[in-house]
Amino acid sequence: MKTHEIVSAVQASAGIDTPEHAQRAVEATLTVLGQRLSTEASDLAAQLPPELAEHLPQDGEAERFDLPEFYRRVAEQEGRDCTPDEARRHARAVTAALRESVGAEYRHLLDQLPQDWGDLLHTDNVVQH
């Protein structure tokens, strides 16, 4: 998928008002996701358009934080008085778009995150390996 397709999908799925706001939501989610991932950040980045891949931090060790902290950080990154509940809706839309965009790499993403992150990854009823 191209950047504008990912942004459009996120905008529609999350009910975001403008493409610019949706772009910020995508960038914020990728930034915080990259902070949480270890080796998979660079693999995921390789599957994304370059202008989105640059938002995935790929150096340093993965930080360990829980899902509520993830949503809080996404809200902070996104700005515009984004609440953690809005960040949750936006981040879920981003990960849904990633699932469609990166195909098999999405499974590797699942493997990097704890099972209790199913809310973000839309896998609450899916058995992870």
Protein backbone atom coordinates (compact mmCIF):
# COMPACT_ATOMS: atom_id res chain seq x y z
CA MET A 1 0.00 0.00 0.00
CA LYS A 2 1.09 3.55 -0.65
CA THR A 3 1.18 6.18 2.09
CA HIS A 4 -2.00 7.90 0.97
CA GLU A 5 -3.83 4.54 0.90
CA ILE A 6 -2.75 3.75 4.46
CA VAL A 7 -3.67 7.25 5.64
CA SER A 8 -7.05 7.08 3.88
CA ALA A 9 -7.78 3.68 5.42
CA VAL A 10 -6.90 4.98 8.89
CA GLN A 11 -8.96 8.14 8.39
CA ALA A 12 -12.04 6.16 7.33
CA SER A 13 -11.66 3.40 9.91
CA ALA A 14 -11.05 5.70 12.88
CA GLY A 15 -13.42 8.48 11.78
CA ILE A 16 -10.62 11.06 11.77
CA ASP A 17 -11.58 14.50 10.47
CA THR A 18 -8.76 15.26 8.01
CA PRO A 19 -6.04 13.42 6.09
CA GLU A 20 -3.43 15.50 7.93
CA HIS A 21 -4.76 14.36 11.29
CA ALA A 22 -4.84 10.75 10.07
CA GLN A 23 -1.22 11.12 8.89
CA ARG A 24 -0.24 12.31 12.40
CA ALA A 25 -2.06 9.32 13.91
CA VAL A 26 -0.14 6.93 11.64
CA GLU A 27 3.19 8.59 12.41
CA ALA A 28 2.53 8.68 16.17
CA THR A 29 1.53 5.02 16.25
CA LEU A 30 4.57 3.95 14.23
CA THR A 31 6.90 6.00 16.44
CA VAL A 32 5.65 4.45 19.66
CA LEU A 33 5.39 0.98 18.13
CA GLY A 34 9.02 1.26 17.06
CA GLN A 35 9.99 2.13 20.64
CA ARG A 36 8.32 -1.11 21.82
CA LEU A 37 9.70 -3.45 19.13
CA SER A 38 13.19 -4.85 18.91
CA THR A 39 14.37 -6.55 15.73
CA GLU A 40 11.02 -6.37 13.99
CA ALA A 41 11.05 -2.57 13.68
CA SER A 42 13.52 -2.65 10.79
CA ASP A 43 11.72 -5.57 9.15
CA LEU A 44 8.40 -3.74 9.41
CA ALA A 45 9.98 -0.52 8.13
CA ALA A 46 11.26 -2.37 5.06
CA GLN A 47 7.65 -3.20 4.16
CA LEU A 48 6.37 0.38 4.46
CA PRO A 49 6.65 3.38 2.16
CA PRO A 50 9.85 5.30 3.05
CA GLU A 51 7.96 8.37 4.35
CA LEU A 52 6.23 6.16 6.93
CA ALA A 53 9.18 3.86 7.63
CA GLU A 54 11.22 6.84 8.85
CA HIS A 55 8.88 7.12 11.84
CA LEU A 56 9.79 3.66 13.14
CA PRO A 57 12.76 4.02 15.50
CA GLN A 58 15.14 1.22 14.60
CA ASP A 59 18.05 1.77 16.94
CA GLY A 60 18.46 0.87 20.56
CA GLU A 61 16.78 -1.77 22.64
CA ALA A 62 13.06 -2.24 22.80
CA GLU A 63 11.43 -0.47 25.71
CA ARG A 64 9.09 -2.48 27.88
CA PHE A 65 5.77 -0.83 28.61
CA ASP A 66 2.19 -1.99 28.80
CA LEU A 67 -0.70 -1.31 26.46
CA PRO A 68 -2.24 1.59 28.44
CA GLU A 69 1.19 3.28 28.38
CA PHE A 70 1.36 2.63 24.61
CA TYR A 71 -1.95 4.45 24.11
CA ARG A 72 -0.83 7.28 26.41
CA ARG A 73 2.39 7.73 24.41
CA VAL A 74 0.53 7.66 21.10
CA ALA A 75 -1.81 10.36 22.39
CA GLU A 76 1.17 12.46 23.48
CA GLN A 77 2.94 11.99 20.13
CA GLU A 78 -0.20 12.77 18.17
CA GLY A 79 -0.86 15.99 20.05
CA ARG A 80 -3.96 18.07 19.33
CA ASP A 81 -5.26 17.23 22.81
CA CYS A 82 -5.62 13.60 21.77
CA THR A 83 -6.90 11.47 24.62
CA PRO A 84 -5.74 7.90 25.29
CA ASP A 85 -9.21 6.68 24.17
CA GLU A 86 -8.84 8.51 20.85
CA ALA A 87 -5.28 7.23 20.54
CA ARG A 88 -6.60 3.70 21.06
CA ARG A 89 -9.10 4.10 18.23
CA HIS A 90 -6.46 5.64 15.97
CA ALA A 91 -3.76 3.08 16.79
CA ARG A 92 -6.17 0.19 16.19
CA ALA A 93 -6.98 1.68 12.78
CA VAL A 94 -3.26 1.97 12.04
CA THR A 95 -2.55 -1.65 12.97
CA ALA A 96 -5.52 -2.80 10.87
CA ALA A 97 -4.04 -0.90 7.91
CA LEU A 98 -0.63 -2.44 8.64
CA ARG A 99 -2.16 -5.90 8.62
CA GLU A 100 -3.47 -5.24 5.11
CA SER A 101 -0.32 -3.48 3.95
CA VAL A 102 2.52 -5.70 5.15
CA GLY A 103 0.99 -9.16 4.89
CA ALA A 104 3.13 -11.88 6.47
CA GLU A 105 5.29 -9.35 8.32
CA TYR A 106 2.24 -8.68 10.51
CA ARG A 107 2.63 -12.15 12.05
CA HIS A 108 6.19 -11.26 13.05
CA LEU A 109 4.85 -8.09 14.64
CA LEU A 110 2.43 -10.19 16.69
CA ASP A 111 5.28 -12.37 17.89
CA GLN A 112 7.13 -9.34 19.27
CA LEU A 113 4.29 -8.13 21.48
CA PRO A 114 2.79 -9.71 24.60
CA GLN A 115 -0.47 -11.59 24.20
CA ASP A 116 -2.29 -9.02 26.31
CA TRP A 117 -1.81 -6.52 23.47
CA GLY A 118 -4.58 -8.25 21.51
CA ASP A 119 -6.77 -5.15 21.82
CA LEU A 120 -4.35 -3.15 19.66
CA LEU A 121 -3.74 -5.92 17.16
CA HIS A 122 -7.35 -7.10 16.81
CA THR A 123 -6.37 -10.56 18.04
CA ASP A 124 -8.38 -10.87 21.25
CA ASN A 125 -9.85 -14.16 20.02
CA VAL A 126 -6.89 -15.39 18.00
CA VAL A 127 -4.34 -17.78 19.45
CA GLN A 128 -0.84 -16.35 19.07
CA HIS A 129 2.30 -18.43 18.74
